[in-house]
């Protein structure tokens, strides 16, 4: 399938898609909420905690997130009732999928209660987790109404995986969580691996071998410059095209269409029927033009980009008694003014850690 593989080239920060020139936002269907680049709001990511029991080197490096790190006090977190209010308004504005994230969301007490309430809304409810607590929680999450789960797994070799999570968690703990999720009816599980060149890129093929014919969907994510703590360098990015090429040499792949408009992962199917993989290329093939995501932080800040430097305070509005209509107007105004396209304009200079971006553990991945 050499004609199907994207050639491996130097890291060119180019968009995967471009917006239709001169799109007339006034011509959008009545009631459709569009930003300044014609993108609709579809996906809401809700961070329920800024804490995590891992110290992954690309997200919460141990030298920054120490035992004395000032995590948010409980009183500053949005309550489940406040989260539900915001979620209802977003669904009314067009959101079709809600993802619960963190930090590590399964550290939030009684999370199943929130899932149960959100599951009553006419949207898909998903959750991203490091998998360490999933074996204990999978059945109760499914019973509460969770539709799907995504598990982070940055290596199948125990030594490499422990080096990535940096707190000595074993691969077996996460694999047990994946098995429990599948048994509970949360399959197919999406398994995400962040690939950092020279650190865990040796795991690309072992992970592919392990999850072929498993029924789960393995996805590789380019190492990104999220936040200001991970010491990101451009030369530590392994382009997704190279990931696909490595796998294709052993297991021929065929490109397949996205599941829906704006899907961030490019999909590939094993030619022998062994399932599919995906690659998320936010560095080498930016997909800002089709981004439909918005993020609600643990303490009620609304962010229109994963690489944001500031947010919009919804908690203050909620806690001073603002009604749902005021909340709706505020959210709609934030989205309509959105003009983010960081990944399309990223350069080695603009991506320096000195550019103070919000940490991924706070905003959610």
Protein backbone atom coordinates (compact mmCIF):
# COMPACT_ATOMS: atom_id res chain seq x y z
CA UNK A 1 0.00 0.00 0.00
CA UNK A 2 2.89 2.33 -0.67
CA UNK A 3 0.55 4.63 -2.59
CA UNK A 4 -1.60 5.05 0.54
CA UNK A 5 1.07 6.04 3.03
CA UNK A 6 1.70 9.72 3.68
CA UNK A 7 5.37 10.31 2.83
CA UNK A 8 7.64 10.89 5.80
CA UNK A 9 8.86 14.46 5.51
CA UNK A 10 10.32 17.03 7.89
CA UNK A 11 7.81 18.39 10.40
CA UNK A 12 5.76 20.75 8.30
CA UNK A 13 3.13 22.52 10.36
CA UNK A 14 0.38 22.44 7.77
CA UNK A 15 -3.34 21.98 8.18
CA UNK A 16 -5.02 18.73 7.22
CA UNK A 17 -8.00 20.69 5.89
CA UNK A 18 -8.70 24.29 4.98
CA UNK A 19 -11.90 26.20 5.56
CA UNK A 20 -14.09 27.04 2.59
CA UNK A 21 -13.03 30.57 1.66
CA UNK A 22 -15.49 33.31 2.48
CA UNK A 23 -18.06 31.12 4.18
CA UNK A 24 -21.13 33.21 4.96
CA UNK A 25 -21.90 32.56 8.61
CA UNK A 26 -25.21 34.36 8.26
CA UNK A 27 -26.26 31.63 5.84
CA UNK A 28 -25.91 28.90 8.46
CA UNK A 29 -29.06 26.93 9.35
CA UNK A 30 -31.22 28.71 11.88
CA UNK A 31 -30.12 27.91 15.43
CA UNK A 32 -26.72 26.49 14.44
CA UNK A 33 -23.94 27.92 16.60
CA UNK A 34 -20.82 28.72 14.56
CA UNK A 35 -17.51 30.32 15.46
CA UNK A 36 -15.65 32.93 13.40
CA UNK A 37 -14.20 30.21 11.16
CA UNK A 38 -17.52 28.50 10.49
CA UNK A 39 -16.98 25.62 12.93
CA UNK A 40 -19.95 24.32 14.89
CA UNK A 41 -19.82 23.20 18.51
CA UNK A 42 -20.23 19.42 18.75
CA UNK A 43 -18.01 18.04 21.52
CA UNK A 44 -17.90 19.15 25.15
CA UNK A 45 -15.03 17.93 27.33
CA UNK A 46 -15.59 18.23 31.07
CA UNK A 47 -12.64 17.97 33.45
CA UNK A 48 -13.83 16.77 36.88
CA UNK A 49 -10.48 16.90 38.70
CA UNK A 50 -7.01 18.38 38.26
CA UNK A 51 -5.45 15.50 40.22
CA UNK A 52 -3.93 12.32 38.84
CA UNK A 53 -2.21 9.26 40.31
CA UNK A 54 0.21 9.12 37.35
CA UNK A 55 3.04 11.54 36.61
CA UNK A 56 3.33 11.04 32.88
CA UNK A 57 6.34 12.83 31.46
CA UNK A 58 4.35 14.61 28.72
CA UNK A 59 1.53 15.79 31.00
CA UNK A 60 2.34 16.00 34.73
CA UNK A 61 6.13 15.63 35.09
CA UNK A 62 7.08 14.69 38.65
CA UNK A 63 9.59 17.51 39.03
CA UNK A 64 6.75 20.05 38.58
CA UNK A 65 3.77 18.21 40.07
CA UNK A 66 5.39 17.39 43.40
CA UNK A 67 3.74 16.21 46.63
CA UNK A 68 3.42 19.89 47.56
CA UNK A 69 1.83 21.00 44.30
CA UNK A 70 -1.16 23.34 45.00
CA UNK A 71 -4.04 21.41 43.49
CA UNK A 72 -7.47 23.03 43.59
CA UNK A 73 -9.34 22.84 46.92
CA UNK A 74 -12.67 21.01 46.76
CA UNK A 75 -14.75 24.17 47.26
CA UNK A 76 -13.43 25.57 44.00
CA UNK A 77 -14.50 22.58 41.92
CA UNK A 78 -17.77 22.68 40.07
CA UNK A 79 -20.40 20.55 41.79
CA UNK A 80 -22.15 17.81 39.84
CA UNK A 81 -25.29 19.98 39.82
CA UNK A 82 -23.34 22.88 38.27
CA UNK A 83 -21.75 20.60 35.67
CA UNK A 84 -25.16 19.23 34.75
CA UNK A 85 -26.57 22.74 34.27
CA UNK A 86 -23.77 23.67 31.91
CA UNK A 87 -24.08 20.36 30.03
CA UNK A 88 -27.81 20.84 29.48
CA UNK A 89 -27.24 24.27 27.96
CA UNK A 90 -24.52 22.93 25.68
CA UNK A 91 -26.76 20.12 24.47
CA UNK A 92 -29.43 22.70 23.68
CA UNK A 93 -26.79 24.59 21.66
CA UNK A 94 -25.89 21.55 19.57
CA UNK A 95 -23.40 19.42 21.51
CA UNK A 96 -23.71 15.74 20.57
CA UNK A 97 -20.94 14.19 22.69
CA UNK A 98 -19.73 14.78 26.23
CA UNK A 99 -16.39 13.39 27.37
CA UNK A 100 -15.49 13.21 31.06
CA UNK A 101 -11.79 13.78 31.63
CA UNK A 102 -9.23 15.13 34.11
CA UNK A 103 -6.56 14.75 35.56
CA UNK A 104 -7.68 11.22 36.26
CA UNK A 105 -11.49 11.42 36.36
CA UNK A 106 -11.93 8.20 38.33
CA UNK A 107 -10.32 9.95 41.30
CA UNK A 108 -13.44 12.14 41.61
CA UNK A 109 -15.66 10.67 44.32
CA UNK A 110 -19.06 9.32 43.27
CA UNK A 111 -18.39 10.01 39.61
CA UNK A 112 -21.02 7.42 38.71
CA UNK A 113 -23.67 9.82 40.05
CA UNK A 114 -22.62 12.46 37.54
CA UNK A 115 -22.54 9.91 34.70
CA UNK A 116 -26.05 8.79 35.60
CA UNK A 117 -27.39 12.34 35.39
CA UNK A 118 -25.56 13.18 32.16
CA UNK A 119 -26.72 9.92 30.58
CA UNK A 120 -30.30 11.22 30.67
CA UNK A 121 -29.35 13.83 28.07
CA UNK A 122 -29.69 12.91 24.36
CA UNK A 123 -25.92 12.72 23.80
CA UNK A 124 -23.10 10.18 23.81
CA UNK A 125 -21.29 10.04 27.16
CA UNK A 126 -17.64 8.93 27.09
CA UNK A 127 -14.72 8.97 29.51
CA UNK A 128 -10.93 9.07 29.22
CA UNK A 129 -8.88 7.37 31.94
CA UNK A 130 -5.39 6.08 32.62
CA UNK A 131 -7.04 2.74 33.40
CA UNK A 132 -5.48 2.17 36.81
CA UNK A 133 -8.86 2.19 38.60
CA UNK A 134 -10.95 0.91 35.72
CA UNK A 135 -11.05 -2.74 36.78
CA UNK A 136 -12.92 -1.69 39.92
CA UNK A 137 -15.12 0.92 38.27
CA UNK A 138 -16.03 -0.38 34.80
CA UNK A 139 -19.29 -2.13 35.68
CA UNK A 140 -20.64 0.70 37.83
CA UNK A 141 -19.78 3.22 35.09
CA UNK A 142 -21.61 1.15 32.48
CA UNK A 143 -24.58 0.68 34.81
CA UNK A 144 -24.69 4.46 35.30
CA UNK A 145 -25.03 4.97 31.55
CA UNK A 146 -21.50 5.46 30.21
CA UNK A 147 -21.35 4.60 26.52
CA UNK A 148 -17.64 4.33 25.76
CA UNK A 149 -14.24 4.56 27.42
CA UNK A 150 -10.80 5.58 26.17
CA UNK A 151 -7.74 4.29 28.02
CA UNK A 152 -4.27 5.84 27.90
CA UNK A 153 -1.49 3.26 27.51
CA UNK A 154 1.95 4.52 26.48
CA UNK A 155 3.72 1.17 26.23
CA UNK A 156 3.12 -2.56 26.45
CA UNK A 157 6.56 -3.28 27.90
CA UNK A 158 6.45 -2.85 31.67
CA UNK A 159 9.79 -1.04 31.91
CA UNK A 160 8.87 1.48 29.24
CA UNK A 161 5.38 1.98 30.62
CA UNK A 162 6.67 2.62 34.13
CA UNK A 163 9.16 5.11 32.74
CA UNK A 164 6.31 6.94 31.03
CA UNK A 165 3.91 7.05 34.01
CA UNK A 166 6.84 7.64 36.41
CA UNK A 167 5.04 6.21 39.47
CA UNK A 168 5.73 2.50 38.95
CA UNK A 169 2.24 1.47 37.77
CA UNK A 170 2.38 -1.83 35.90
CA UNK A 171 0.99 -2.49 32.43
CA UNK A 172 -1.01 -5.39 33.85
CA UNK A 173 -3.14 -3.01 35.92
CA UNK A 174 -4.22 -1.10 32.84
CA UNK A 175 -4.78 -4.24 30.74
CA UNK A 176 -7.01 -5.58 33.53
CA UNK A 177 -8.99 -2.36 33.33
CA UNK A 178 -9.40 -2.71 29.57
CA UNK A 179 -10.61 -6.28 29.99
CA UNK A 180 -13.07 -5.19 32.68
CA UNK A 181 -14.40 -2.42 30.46
CA UNK A 182 -14.95 -4.86 27.60
CA UNK A 183 -16.68 -7.34 29.92
CA UNK A 184 -18.96 -4.58 31.20
CA UNK A 185 -20.07 -3.71 27.66
CA UNK A 186 -17.91 -0.63 27.05
CA UNK A 187 -16.21 -2.19 24.02
CA UNK A 188 -14.67 -1.41 21.68
CA UNK A 189 -12.24 0.34 24.00
CA UNK A 190 -10.10 3.03 22.41
CA UNK A 191 -6.49 2.74 23.57
CA UNK A 192 -4.40 5.92 23.21
CA UNK A 193 -0.62 6.00 23.12
CA UNK A 194 1.27 9.31 23.15
CA UNK A 195 4.47 8.69 21.19
CA UNK A 196 7.63 10.49 22.24
CA UNK A 197 10.61 9.85 19.96
CA UNK A 198 13.50 8.17 21.77
CA UNK A 199 11.40 7.45 24.84
CA UNK A 200 8.58 5.06 23.91
CA UNK A 201 8.51 4.93 20.12
CA UNK A 202 9.90 1.39 20.45
CA UNK A 203 6.39 0.42 21.58
CA UNK A 204 4.60 1.19 18.32
CA UNK A 205 4.89 -2.29 16.84
CA UNK A 206 4.53 -4.23 20.13
CA UNK A 207 1.31 -2.34 20.86
CA UNK A 208 0.05 -2.99 17.33
CA UNK A 209 0.80 -6.71 17.71
CA UNK A 210 -0.93 -6.86 21.08
CA UNK A 211 -4.18 -5.16 20.05
CA UNK A 212 -4.61 -6.69 16.58
CA UNK A 213 -7.69 -8.93 16.59
CA UNK A 214 -8.57 -7.71 20.10
CA UNK A 215 -11.66 -5.80 19.01
CA UNK A 216 -10.22 -2.62 20.51
CA UNK A 217 -9.00 0.44 18.60
CA UNK A 218 -5.39 1.47 19.13
CA UNK A 219 -4.55 5.11 18.42
CA UNK A 220 -1.18 6.85 18.34
CA UNK A 221 -0.97 10.54 19.28
CA UNK A 222 1.87 12.86 18.34
CA UNK A 223 3.68 14.30 21.35
CA UNK A 224 2.28 17.83 21.76
CA UNK A 225 3.35 21.07 23.41
CA UNK A 226 0.39 21.19 25.78
CA UNK A 227 0.95 23.31 28.88
CA UNK A 228 4.24 24.79 29.99
CA UNK A 229 5.77 21.96 32.02
CA UNK A 230 6.70 19.09 29.74
CA UNK A 231 9.81 20.57 28.09
CA UNK A 232 8.43 19.87 24.61
CA UNK A 233 10.85 19.87 21.68
CA UNK A 234 9.95 19.53 18.03
CA UNK A 235 12.58 16.86 17.41
CA UNK A 236 10.90 14.59 19.98
CA UNK A 237 7.79 14.35 17.80
CA UNK A 238 7.45 11.13 15.81
CA UNK A 239 5.25 12.02 12.82
CA UNK A 240 2.12 9.90 12.50
CA UNK A 241 3.12 9.11 8.92
CA UNK A 242 6.16 7.28 10.27
CA UNK A 243 4.02 5.42 12.83
CA UNK A 244 1.73 4.23 10.04
CA UNK A 245 4.69 3.26 7.86
CA UNK A 246 6.28 1.18 10.64
CA UNK A 247 3.08 -0.78 11.19
CA UNK A 248 2.32 -1.13 7.49
CA UNK A 249 5.68 -2.81 6.86
CA UNK A 250 4.63 -5.69 9.12
CA UNK A 251 0.84 -5.53 8.84
CA UNK A 252 -0.43 -3.95 5.59
CA UNK A 253 -2.93 -1.15 6.19
CA UNK A 254 -5.69 0.49 4.19
CA UNK A 255 -7.00 3.98 4.84
CA UNK A 256 -10.68 4.22 5.81
CA UNK A 257 -13.11 7.13 6.04
CA UNK A 258 -13.76 9.07 9.25
CA UNK A 259 -16.78 8.11 11.33
CA UNK A 260 -18.08 11.68 11.32
CA UNK A 261 -17.08 15.18 10.13
CA UNK A 262 -14.39 16.67 12.35
CA UNK A 263 -13.06 13.35 13.69
CA UNK A 264 -9.47 14.05 14.74
CA UNK A 265 -8.07 10.55 14.24
CA UNK A 266 -7.16 9.34 10.77
CA UNK A 267 -8.31 5.71 10.53
CA UNK A 268 -6.51 2.71 9.06
CA UNK A 269 -7.71 -0.89 8.73
CA UNK A 270 -5.54 -4.00 8.80
CA UNK A 271 -5.76 -5.65 5.39
CA UNK A 272 -6.13 -9.09 6.99
CA UNK A 273 -9.19 -8.08 9.00
CA UNK A 274 -7.33 -7.61 12.27
CA UNK A 275 -9.24 -4.44 13.18
CA UNK A 276 -8.22 -0.81 12.93
CA UNK A 277 -5.78 1.75 14.26
CA UNK A 278 -5.87 5.52 14.30
CA UNK A 279 -3.33 8.33 14.34
CA UNK A 280 -3.84 11.83 15.74
CA UNK A 281 -1.47 14.29 14.06
CA UNK A 282 -2.05 17.64 15.70
CA UNK A 283 1.59 18.69 15.14
CA UNK A 284 2.35 17.56 11.59
CA UNK A 285 -1.15 17.72 10.09
CA UNK A 286 -3.19 20.23 12.06
CA UNK A 287 -6.95 19.75 12.07
CA UNK A 288 -7.94 23.14 13.50
CA UNK A 289 -10.17 23.84 10.51
CA UNK A 290 -12.59 21.11 11.52
CA UNK A 291 -12.26 21.34 15.33
CA UNK A 292 -15.63 21.18 17.08
CA UNK A 293 -14.39 20.87 20.69
CA UNK A 294 -14.82 23.08 23.72
CA UNK A 295 -13.55 22.36 27.23
CA UNK A 296 -14.92 23.02 30.71
CA UNK A 297 -12.23 23.00 33.40
CA UNK A 298 -12.55 21.57 36.88
CA UNK A 299 -13.29 24.99 38.37
CA UNK A 300 -15.66 26.18 35.65
CA UNK A 301 -13.40 27.96 33.17
CA UNK A 302 -14.43 27.52 29.55
CA UNK A 303 -11.62 27.00 27.02
CA UNK A 304 -12.01 26.99 23.25
CA UNK A 305 -8.62 25.39 22.54
CA UNK A 306 -6.40 22.75 24.13
CA UNK A 307 -3.50 25.22 23.78
CA UNK A 308 -5.33 28.15 25.37
CA UNK A 309 -3.70 30.69 27.65
CA UNK A 310 -6.90 31.95 29.27
CA UNK A 311 -10.51 30.90 29.76
CA UNK A 312 -13.98 32.30 30.38
CA UNK A 313 -15.40 32.09 33.91
CA UNK A 314 -18.72 30.25 34.02
CA UNK A 315 -18.51 29.41 37.73
CA UNK A 316 -18.97 33.03 38.75
CA UNK A 317 -22.12 33.23 36.63
CA UNK A 318 -23.44 29.98 38.09
CA UNK A 319 -22.76 30.96 41.68
CA UNK A 320 -24.17 34.44 41.54
CA UNK A 321 -27.51 33.02 40.50
CA UNK A 322 -27.46 33.51 36.75
CA UNK A 323 -30.28 31.64 35.04
CA UNK A 324 -29.99 29.19 32.17
CA UNK A 325 -30.74 31.86 29.58
CA UNK A 326 -27.87 34.01 30.84
CA UNK A 327 -25.64 30.93 30.76
CA UNK A 328 -26.75 30.17 27.22
CA UNK A 329 -25.98 33.73 26.06
CA UNK A 330 -22.53 33.63 27.66
CA UNK A 331 -21.59 30.27 26.13
CA UNK A 332 -22.90 31.27 22.70
CA UNK A 333 -20.94 34.52 22.81
CA UNK A 334 -17.73 32.67 23.71
CA UNK A 335 -18.12 30.23 20.83
CA UNK A 336 -19.11 32.85 18.27
CA UNK A 337 -15.97 34.85 19.06
CA UNK A 338 -13.72 31.78 18.80
CA UNK A 339 -10.89 32.10 16.27
CA UNK A 340 -8.39 29.49 17.56
CA UNK A 341 -6.04 27.72 15.17
CA UNK A 342 -2.90 27.25 17.25
CA UNK A 343 -1.75 24.00 15.63
CA UNK A 344 -1.95 25.53 12.16
CA UNK A 345 0.35 28.41 13.07
CA UNK A 346 2.65 26.58 15.51
CA UNK A 347 6.38 27.05 14.93
CA UNK A 348 9.43 26.05 16.94
CA UNK A 349 9.44 29.60 18.36
CA UNK A 350 5.76 29.90 19.28
CA UNK A 351 5.78 26.43 20.84
CA UNK A 352 8.45 27.20 23.43
CA UNK A 353 7.44 26.29 27.01
CA UNK A 354 7.75 29.98 27.91
CA UNK A 355 4.44 30.49 26.12
CA UNK A 356 2.24 29.99 29.18
CA UNK A 357 -0.46 27.59 28.08
CA UNK A 358 -2.95 25.88 30.40
CA UNK A 359 -1.77 22.50 31.69
CA UNK A 360 -3.48 19.46 30.17
CA UNK A 361 -4.06 17.97 33.64
CA UNK A 362 -6.24 21.00 34.42
CA UNK A 363 -8.09 21.47 31.16
CA UNK A 364 -8.42 17.83 30.14
CA UNK A 365 -6.83 16.17 27.11
